[in-house]
Amino acid sequence: MPVYTYRCENCGIQFERQQSFTDAPLKTCPECRRKALKKVITPTKVIFKGSGFYATDHRSPSGDTSSSKKGDAESKPSSEKSD
């Protein structure tokens, strides 16, 4: 179940509440008992762990095979090869 953050616009108290997706949002502040609660939108943190993820979302040169590097050098025209 997700955790939602609420803030009271009257007294300023902020708290978290674990609720189901289908639960109605809270409206009454538990501190001052007024109907002044608003959900606080907070950014979520996503952490990708494991060998299937790259830190920069791009494949690193270390993932290339030696056969593909050799094929690239042989496919260049002789005028472009440097000594």
C-alpha atoms as a PDB file:
ATOM      1  CA  MET A   1       0.000   0.000   0.000  1.00  0.00           C
ATOM      2  CA  PRO A   2       1.293   3.481  -0.811  1.00  0.00           C
ATOM      3  CA  VAL A   3       2.171   6.064   1.805  1.00  0.00           C
ATOM      4  CA  TYR A   4       0.658   9.528   1.313  1.00  0.00           C
ATOM      5  CA  THR A   5       1.862  12.771   2.879  1.00  0.00           C
ATOM      6  CA  TYR A   6      -0.758  15.253   4.087  1.00  0.00           C
ATOM      7  CA  ARG A   7      -0.372  18.859   5.257  1.00  0.00           C
ATOM      8  CA  CYS A   8      -2.939  20.946   7.103  1.00  0.00           C
ATOM      9  CA  GLU A   9      -3.373  24.404   5.602  1.00  0.00           C
ATOM     10  CA  ASN A  10      -4.720  25.679   8.943  1.00  0.00           C
ATOM     11  CA  CYS A  11      -2.184  24.554  11.555  1.00  0.00           C
ATOM     12  CA  GLY A  12       0.678  23.444   9.261  1.00  0.00           C
ATOM     13  CA  ILE A  13       1.073  19.921  10.648  1.00  0.00           C
ATOM     14  CA  GLN A  14       2.454  17.420   8.136  1.00  0.00           C
ATOM     15  CA  PHE A  15       2.145  13.645   8.489  1.00  0.00           C
ATOM     16  CA  GLU A  16       2.171  10.427   6.490  1.00  0.00           C
ATOM     17  CA  ARG A  17      -0.609   7.861   6.252  1.00  0.00           C
ATOM     18  CA  GLN A  18      -0.577   4.431   4.626  1.00  0.00           C
ATOM     19  CA  GLN A  19      -3.721   4.055   2.512  1.00  0.00           C
ATOM     20  CA  SER A  20      -5.048   1.865  -0.240  1.00  0.00           C
ATOM     21  CA  PHE A  21      -5.498   3.266  -3.750  1.00  0.00           C
ATOM     22  CA  THR A  22      -9.244   2.987  -3.315  1.00  0.00           C
ATOM     23  CA  ASP A  23      -9.402   4.832   0.034  1.00  0.00           C
ATOM     24  CA  ALA A  24     -10.833   8.339  -0.016  1.00  0.00           C
ATOM     25  CA  PRO A  25      -8.309  11.101   0.740  1.00  0.00           C
ATOM     26  CA  LEU A  26      -8.300  12.429   4.297  1.00  0.00           C
ATOM     27  CA  LYS A  27      -9.941  15.822   4.828  1.00  0.00           C
ATOM     28  CA  THR A  28     -10.042  16.409   8.599  1.00  0.00           C
ATOM     29  CA  CYS A  29      -6.835  17.362  10.392  1.00  0.00           C
ATOM     30  CA  PRO A  30      -6.102  15.124  13.415  1.00  0.00           C
ATOM     31  CA  GLU A  31      -4.516  18.081  15.263  1.00  0.00           C
ATOM     32  CA  CYS A  32      -6.915  21.037  14.832  1.00  0.00           C
ATOM     33  CA  ARG A  33      -9.980  19.065  13.593  1.00  0.00           C
ATOM     34  CA  ARG A  34     -10.589  21.400  10.634  1.00  0.00           C
ATOM     35  CA  LYS A  35     -11.221  20.252   7.069  1.00  0.00           C
ATOM     36  CA  ALA A  36      -8.032  21.769   5.703  1.00  0.00           C
ATOM     37  CA  LEU A  37      -5.910  18.748   4.701  1.00  0.00           C
ATOM     38  CA  LYS A  38      -4.201  18.613   1.314  1.00  0.00           C
ATOM     39  CA  LYS A  39      -2.095  15.839  -0.178  1.00  0.00           C
ATOM     40  CA  VAL A  40       1.533  16.821  -0.627  1.00  0.00           C
ATOM     41  CA  ILE A  41       3.020  15.784  -3.944  1.00  0.00           C
ATOM     42  CA  THR A  42       6.506  14.444  -3.334  1.00  0.00           C
ATOM     43  CA  PRO A  43       8.961  13.116  -5.917  1.00  0.00           C
ATOM     44  CA  THR A  44       9.588   9.414  -5.760  1.00  0.00           C
ATOM     45  CA  LYS A  45      13.044   7.934  -5.658  1.00  0.00           C
ATOM     46  CA  VAL A  46      13.724   5.083  -8.067  1.00  0.00           C
ATOM     47  CA  ILE A  47      16.877   3.036  -7.657  1.00  0.00           C
ATOM     48  CA  PHE A  48      17.828   0.492 -10.312  1.00  0.00           C
ATOM     49  CA  LYS A  49      20.082  -2.236  -8.988  1.00  0.00           C
ATOM     50  CA  GLY A  50      21.493  -5.278 -10.679  1.00  0.00           C
ATOM     51  CA  SER A  51      23.604  -6.164 -13.674  1.00  0.00           C
ATOM     52  CA  GLY A  52      20.859  -5.321 -16.192  1.00  0.00           C
ATOM     53  CA  PHE A  53      21.006  -1.551 -15.601  1.00  0.00           C
ATOM     54  CA  TYR A  54      23.581   0.987 -16.723  1.00  0.00           C
ATOM     55  CA  ALA A  55      24.398   4.035 -14.625  1.00  0.00           C
ATOM     56  CA  THR A  56      24.037   6.387 -17.604  1.00  0.00           C
ATOM     57  CA  ASP A  57      21.340   4.441 -19.507  1.00  0.00           C
ATOM     58  CA  HIS A  58      23.868   3.883 -22.282  1.00  0.00           C
ATOM     59  CA  ARG A  59      25.917   0.827 -22.962  1.00  0.00           C
ATOM     60  CA  SER A  60      29.539   1.249 -21.994  1.00  0.00           C
ATOM     61  CA  PRO A  61      32.374   0.422 -24.409  1.00  0.00           C
ATOM     62  CA  SER A  62      33.378  -2.437 -22.093  1.00  0.00           C
ATOM     63  CA  GLY A  63      30.231  -4.267 -23.250  1.00  0.00           C
ATOM     64  CA  ASP A  64      31.472  -4.397 -26.851  1.00  0.00           C
ATOM     65  CA  THR A  65      32.868  -7.658 -28.140  1.00  0.00           C
ATOM     66  CA  SER A  66      36.328  -7.855 -29.693  1.00  0.00           C
ATOM     67  CA  SER A  67      34.867  -9.172 -32.979  1.00  0.00           C
ATOM     68  CA  SER A  68      32.753  -6.020 -33.486  1.00  0.00           C
ATOM     69  CA  LYS A  69      35.796  -3.767 -32.928  1.00  0.00           C
ATOM     70  CA  LYS A  70      37.809  -5.773 -35.430  1.00  0.00           C
ATOM     71  CA  GLY A  71      34.983  -5.592 -37.956  1.00  0.00           C
ATOM     72  CA  ASP A  72      34.781  -1.800 -37.638  1.00  0.00           C
ATOM     73  CA  ALA A  73      38.479  -1.356 -38.425  1.00  0.00           C
ATOM     74  CA  GLU A  74      38.311  -3.624 -41.450  1.00  0.00           C
ATOM     75  CA  SER A  75      35.235  -1.885 -42.884  1.00  0.00           C
ATOM     76  CA  LYS A  76      36.972   1.504 -43.223  1.00  0.00           C
ATOM     77  CA  PRO A  77      38.314   2.395 -46.654  1.00  0.00           C
ATOM     78  CA  SER A  78      42.116   2.313 -46.925  1.00  0.00           C
ATOM     79  CA  SER A  79      42.258   6.107 -47.414  1.00  0.00           C
ATOM     80  CA  GLU A  80      40.772   6.681 -43.950  1.00  0.00           C
ATOM     81  CA  LYS A  81      43.147   4.350 -42.066  1.00  0.00           C
ATOM     82  CA  SER A  82      45.839   6.127 -40.104  1.00  0.00           C
ATOM     83  CA  ASP A  83      49.324   4.722 -39.468  1.00  0.00           C
END
